[in-house]
Amino acid sequence: MYTTLITPEQLMALQAQGPVLVADCSFELMQPEQGQQQYLASHIAGAVRADLDRHLSAKPPRPAVNSGRHPLPRREDLAKWLRDIGLQPGMQVVVYDRQASNYCGRLWWMLKWVGHEAVAVLDGGLQAWQHAGGAVVSGPEVTAVPGNFELGQPLCELAEVQDVHARLGAAQTLVDARATPRFKGEVEPLDPVAGHIPGALNRPFNLNMQADGRFKPAAQLREEFLSLLGDLPPGNVVHQCGSGVSAIPNLLAMELAGLGRTALFAGSWSEWCADPARPVEKG
């Protein structure tokens, strides 16, 4: 079972042995339709489509778990969609994108959230797959044979906005994955308020990656996160970003580094700043 990362070669070997559910999560935040166009132009043979807006976020009239720009769907609704795309209990899932794992991490975390541990991120994404000689095809979305996955107990921790607020200055270390100018409040291209949650630390998600789009070695990630945290215990970390998506590479990187599976504040800055009663810091 692969539960964090998988290499293209490991995925090829698994596919030769039996069914693997592969999901293409490519997306472009400023041009949301581009992810779909990228999938239609080229995707791993047999990969289903997992779009951030259409499949991995709750959009009206579907009920949501939290607010913010990319609210989570209910776990029951997510489990139904996973059955629709062919998920079976215990089946190995591999998620990928072509944006340095910024978007596929969302589905990686969501599968853990509905109780499915056997999911891994394709390290290096579609680019690494093609470089290794993996097969790609173009064309419409794959139609899967429905599976019989059933909702299980969460295998990861979801932090709610009221809990994050209540724990400010207490046993909680917020790690904000947004670019530093956004964290400082110097610019804000997406949300109505600029700045960050008081006391948060800043680690832009792309710091976890090497130049080729693969994650840095575990030992290097561990050194960098321990340097960021100082004397603060890793187990108290809660990850956030703008809308709960780009925080997940940090969460995954901490797990790769042997620092445990830490919590996600999925509503993130977009949910936090929607209430003017919540405090904001800049700088």
Protein backbone atom coordinates (compact mmCIF):
# COMPACT_ATOMS: atom_id res chain seq x y z
CA MET A 1 0.00 0.00 0.00
CA TYR A 2 1.24 3.49 -0.88
CA THR A 3 -0.02 6.20 1.46
CA THR A 4 2.11 9.32 0.78
CA LEU A 5 4.08 9.36 -2.49
CA ILE A 6 4.47 6.95 -5.38
CA THR A 7 6.96 7.08 -8.26
CA PRO A 8 5.98 6.61 -11.90
CA GLU A 9 7.84 3.31 -11.96
CA GLN A 10 5.99 2.06 -8.89
CA LEU A 11 2.66 3.03 -10.44
CA MET A 12 3.52 1.18 -13.66
CA ALA A 13 4.33 -1.94 -11.65
CA LEU A 14 1.03 -1.70 -9.75
CA GLN A 15 -0.97 -1.29 -12.95
CA ALA A 16 0.61 -4.45 -14.31
CA GLN A 17 -0.60 -6.36 -11.24
CA GLY A 18 -4.24 -5.25 -11.10
CA PRO A 19 -6.73 -2.37 -10.90
CA VAL A 20 -5.49 1.01 -9.65
CA LEU A 21 -7.73 4.07 -9.51
CA VAL A 22 -5.83 7.01 -11.01
CA ALA A 23 -7.26 10.55 -10.82
CA ASP A 24 -6.16 13.62 -12.76
CA CYS A 25 -6.63 16.70 -10.57
CA SER A 26 -5.03 19.30 -12.85
CA PHE A 27 -6.36 22.81 -12.26
CA GLU A 28 -5.46 26.47 -12.80
CA LEU A 29 -6.77 28.76 -10.06
CA MET A 30 -6.97 31.92 -12.17
CA GLN A 31 -8.34 30.05 -15.21
CA PRO A 32 -10.54 27.29 -13.75
CA GLU A 33 -11.53 25.83 -17.13
CA GLN A 34 -7.91 25.17 -18.09
CA GLY A 35 -7.58 22.05 -15.93
CA GLN A 36 -10.33 20.35 -17.90
CA GLN A 37 -8.72 21.36 -21.19
CA GLN A 38 -5.38 19.98 -19.99
CA TYR A 39 -7.03 16.67 -19.11
CA LEU A 40 -8.77 16.40 -22.49
CA ALA A 41 -5.49 17.11 -24.29
CA SER A 42 -3.41 14.59 -22.33
CA HIS A 43 -3.90 12.36 -19.30
CA ILE A 44 -2.62 9.06 -17.96
CA ALA A 45 -4.41 6.24 -19.76
CA GLY A 46 -7.46 5.25 -17.71
CA ALA A 47 -7.31 8.23 -15.34
CA VAL A 48 -10.64 9.65 -14.16
CA ARG A 49 -11.17 13.39 -13.86
CA ALA A 50 -11.22 15.07 -10.44
CA ASP A 51 -11.87 18.78 -10.85
CA LEU A 52 -11.41 21.11 -7.88
CA ASP A 53 -14.56 23.08 -8.62
CA ARG A 54 -16.84 20.32 -9.94
CA HIS A 55 -15.88 17.37 -7.76
CA LEU A 56 -13.68 18.41 -4.83
CA SER A 57 -15.63 21.44 -3.61
CA ALA A 58 -19.26 21.90 -2.59
CA LYS A 59 -21.05 24.35 -4.86
CA PRO A 60 -24.67 25.48 -4.39
CA PRO A 61 -27.11 23.84 -4.08
CA ARG A 62 -24.92 21.09 -2.64
CA PRO A 63 -24.44 21.35 1.14
CA ALA A 64 -20.96 22.21 2.41
CA VAL A 65 -19.03 21.41 5.57
CA ASN A 66 -17.39 24.83 5.80
CA SER A 67 -17.43 28.18 4.04
CA GLY A 68 -14.61 29.80 2.08
CA ARG A 69 -13.77 29.76 -1.61
CA HIS A 70 -13.45 25.97 -1.89
CA PRO A 71 -15.70 24.50 0.82
CA LEU A 72 -15.54 20.80 1.45
CA PRO A 73 -18.52 18.68 0.42
CA ARG A 74 -20.16 16.53 3.06
CA ARG A 75 -18.33 13.27 3.66
CA GLU A 76 -21.43 11.34 2.57
CA ASP A 77 -21.54 13.19 -0.76
CA LEU A 78 -17.83 12.66 -1.30
CA ALA A 79 -18.19 8.92 -0.63
CA LYS A 80 -20.96 8.71 -3.23
CA TRP A 81 -18.83 10.44 -5.86
CA LEU A 82 -15.93 8.10 -5.07
CA ARG A 83 -18.21 5.12 -5.64
CA ASP A 84 -19.31 6.67 -8.93
CA ILE A 85 -15.71 6.88 -10.17
CA GLY A 86 -15.04 3.23 -9.30
CA LEU A 87 -13.53 3.16 -5.81
CA GLN A 88 -13.51 -0.22 -4.08
CA PRO A 89 -12.58 -0.81 -0.42
CA GLY A 90 -8.82 -1.06 -0.02
CA MET A 91 -8.16 -0.14 -3.66
CA GLN A 92 -4.94 1.75 -4.34
CA VAL A 93 -5.62 5.29 -5.50
CA VAL A 94 -3.02 7.49 -7.18
CA VAL A 95 -3.67 11.21 -7.64
CA TYR A 96 -1.70 13.60 -9.80
CA ASP A 97 -1.72 16.98 -11.52
CA ARG A 98 0.71 19.00 -13.60
CA GLN A 99 0.99 21.89 -11.10
CA ALA A 100 3.65 20.53 -8.72
CA SER A 101 1.10 18.57 -6.63
CA ASN A 102 -0.72 21.72 -5.57
CA TYR A 103 -4.20 20.41 -6.47
CA CYS A 104 -3.99 16.62 -6.29
CA GLY A 105 -3.10 16.88 -2.62
CA ARG A 106 -6.70 17.97 -2.04
CA LEU A 107 -8.05 14.58 -3.17
CA TRP A 108 -5.24 12.78 -1.28
CA TRP A 109 -6.42 14.43 1.95
CA MET A 110 -10.13 14.01 1.20
CA LEU A 111 -9.74 10.27 0.72
CA LYS A 112 -8.09 10.03 4.15
CA TRP A 113 -10.95 12.14 5.50
CA VAL A 114 -13.54 9.55 4.36
CA GLY A 115 -11.47 6.68 5.76
CA HIS A 116 -9.47 5.46 2.74
CA GLU A 117 -5.77 5.15 3.57
CA ALA A 118 -4.51 3.63 0.30
CA VAL A 119 -3.95 6.84 -1.64
CA ALA A 120 -0.68 8.35 -2.83
CA VAL A 121 0.46 11.41 -4.77
CA LEU A 122 2.35 10.72 -8.00
CA ASP A 123 5.66 12.41 -7.23
CA GLY A 124 6.51 14.84 -10.02
CA GLY A 125 3.05 14.64 -11.55
CA LEU A 126 2.25 14.10 -15.20
CA GLN A 127 5.62 15.49 -16.24
CA ALA A 128 7.48 12.78 -14.29
CA TRP A 129 5.12 10.12 -15.67
CA GLN A 130 5.83 11.13 -19.25
CA HIS A 131 9.56 11.41 -18.60
CA ALA A 132 9.49 7.81 -17.34
CA GLY A 133 7.76 6.65 -20.54
CA GLY A 134 4.27 6.29 -19.06
CA ALA A 135 1.36 6.07 -21.49
CA VAL A 136 -0.86 9.12 -22.01
CA VAL A 137 -3.99 9.54 -24.08
CA SER A 138 -6.25 12.40 -25.13
CA GLY A 139 -10.03 12.47 -25.26
CA PRO A 140 -13.15 12.74 -23.11
CA GLU A 141 -13.51 11.87 -19.44
CA VAL A 142 -13.20 8.20 -18.55
CA THR A 143 -16.49 6.55 -17.61
CA ALA A 144 -15.85 4.24 -14.69
CA VAL A 145 -17.67 1.14 -13.50
CA PRO A 146 -19.14 2.15 -10.10
CA GLY A 147 -17.49 0.72 -7.01
CA ASN A 148 -18.83 -0.19 -3.58
CA PHE A 149 -16.75 2.05 -1.31
CA GLU A 150 -18.40 2.82 2.03
CA LEU A 151 -17.77 5.83 4.22
CA GLY A 152 -15.35 5.14 7.06
CA GLN A 153 -13.95 6.94 10.09
CA PRO A 154 -11.75 9.97 9.33
CA LEU A 155 -8.04 9.21 9.19
CA CYS A 156 -7.04 12.88 9.40
CA GLU A 157 -8.04 15.91 11.44
CA LEU A 158 -10.25 18.73 10.16
CA ALA A 159 -10.00 21.96 12.16
CA GLU A 160 -13.15 24.11 12.22
CA VAL A 161 -12.97 27.90 12.16
CA GLN A 162 -14.49 28.26 15.63
CA ASP A 163 -11.87 25.90 17.07
CA VAL A 164 -9.01 27.75 15.36
CA HIS A 165 -10.37 31.02 16.77
CA ALA A 166 -10.75 29.59 20.27
CA ARG A 167 -7.18 28.27 20.29
CA LEU A 168 -5.42 31.47 19.23
CA GLY A 169 -2.38 31.87 21.47
CA ALA A 170 -2.89 28.41 22.96
CA ALA A 171 -1.89 24.85 21.96
CA GLN A 172 -2.01 25.51 18.23
CA THR A 173 0.57 26.50 15.61
CA LEU A 174 -0.89 27.76 12.36
CA VAL A 175 1.27 27.29 9.25
CA ASP A 176 0.11 29.44 6.32
CA ALA A 177 1.07 28.11 2.88
CA ARG A 178 0.33 31.27 0.90
CA ALA A 179 3.02 33.29 -0.88
CA THR A 180 4.79 35.65 1.52
CA PRO A 181 3.43 38.93 0.04
CA ARG A 182 -0.12 37.64 0.58
CA PHE A 183 0.73 36.43 4.09
CA LYS A 184 2.14 39.87 4.97
CA GLY A 185 -0.94 41.59 3.57
CA GLU A 186 1.02 43.47 0.92
CA VAL A 187 -1.23 42.10 -1.85
CA GLU A 188 -4.51 40.16 -1.90
CA PRO A 189 -5.73 39.06 -5.33
CA LEU A 190 -8.51 36.71 -4.22
CA ASP A 191 -10.03 37.53 -0.83
CA PRO A 192 -11.69 40.74 0.45
CA VAL A 193 -9.23 41.24 3.34
CA ALA A 194 -5.43 41.19 3.26
CA GLY A 195 -3.22 39.80 6.00
CA HIS A 196 -3.01 36.62 8.07
CA ILE A 197 -4.36 34.95 11.19
CA PRO A 198 -2.56 36.28 14.30
CA GLY A 199 0.42 34.17 15.30
CA ALA A 200 0.58 32.15 12.08
CA LEU A 201 3.91 31.09 10.59
CA ASN A 202 4.51 31.37 6.86
CA ARG A 203 5.81 28.52 4.69
CA PRO A 204 4.84 28.88 1.01
CA PHE A 205 3.81 25.45 -0.29
CA ASN A 206 6.27 25.51 -3.19
CA LEU A 207 9.19 25.36 -0.76
CA ASN A 208 8.51 21.63 -0.47
CA MET A 209 9.42 21.01 -4.10
CA GLN A 210 12.59 20.48 -6.04
CA ALA A 211 13.12 22.12 -9.43
CA ASP A 212 11.72 19.04 -11.21
CA GLY A 213 8.41 19.21 -9.32
CA ARG A 214 9.18 16.31 -7.00
CA PHE A 215 9.13 16.62 -3.22
CA LYS A 216 12.42 17.31 -1.48
CA PRO A 217 14.05 14.39 0.39
CA ALA A 218 12.44 13.57 3.73
CA ALA A 219 15.52 14.55 5.75
CA GLN A 220 15.62 17.99 4.13
CA LEU A 221 11.92 18.54 4.73
CA ARG A 222 12.31 17.53 8.36
CA GLU A 223 15.17 19.98 8.88
CA GLU A 224 13.22 22.82 7.26
CA PHE A 225 10.03 22.26 9.25
CA LEU A 226 11.86 21.88 12.55
CA SER A 227 13.70 25.12 11.79
CA LEU A 228 10.38 26.85 11.08
CA LEU A 229 8.76 25.55 14.28
CA GLY A 230 11.67 26.06 16.64
CA ASP A 231 10.58 24.88 20.08
CA LEU A 232 6.94 24.46 19.03
CA PRO A 233 5.73 20.82 18.96
CA PRO A 234 4.96 19.49 15.45
CA GLY A 235 1.84 17.73 16.73
CA ASN A 236 0.12 21.09 17.36
CA VAL A 237 0.43 22.30 13.76
CA VAL A 238 -2.72 23.29 11.86
CA HIS A 239 -2.23 23.95 8.16
CA GLN A 240 -4.03 26.66 6.21
CA CYS A 241 -3.73 28.73 3.04
CA GLY A 242 -6.28 30.78 1.13
CA SER A 243 -9.00 28.17 0.64
CA GLY A 244 -7.64 24.90 2.06
CA VAL A 245 -6.00 23.56 -1.11
CA SER A 246 -2.35 24.66 -1.26
CA ALA A 247 -1.97 24.00 2.48
CA ILE A 248 -1.93 20.27 1.80
CA PRO A 249 1.55 20.05 0.24
CA ASN A 250 2.82 21.35 3.60
CA LEU A 251 0.74 18.77 5.46
CA LEU A 252 1.99 15.98 3.20
CA ALA A 253 5.57 17.21 3.49
CA MET A 254 5.42 17.05 7.29
CA GLU A 255 4.16 13.48 7.07
CA LEU A 256 6.97 12.60 4.65
CA ALA A 257 9.40 14.15 7.11
CA GLY A 258 8.24 11.80 9.85
CA LEU A 259 6.53 14.58 11.83
CA GLY A 260 3.08 13.00 11.81
CA ARG A 261 -0.22 13.70 10.08
CA THR A 262 -1.16 17.18 11.22
CA ALA A 263 -4.49 19.02 11.05
CA LEU A 264 -6.01 21.02 8.17
CA PHE A 265 -8.06 24.20 8.57
CA ALA A 266 -9.94 23.71 5.31
CA GLY A 267 -11.81 27.02 5.42
CA SER A 268 -8.47 28.80 5.72
CA TRP A 269 -8.01 32.54 5.18
CA SER A 270 -11.09 32.91 2.93
CA GLU A 271 -13.34 31.62 5.72
CA TRP A 272 -11.47 33.40 8.49
CA CYS A 273 -11.56 36.88 6.95
CA ALA A 274 -15.26 36.66 6.03
CA ASP A 275 -16.15 37.62 9.62
CA PRO A 276 -14.91 41.13 10.54
CA ALA A 277 -15.00 40.15 14.21
CA ARG A 278 -12.00 37.86 13.72
CA PRO A 279 -8.59 39.46 14.24
CA VAL A 280 -6.14 40.06 11.39
CA GLU A 281 -2.41 40.69 11.40
CA LYS A 282 -0.17 42.21 8.73
CA GLY A 283 3.55 42.22 8.25
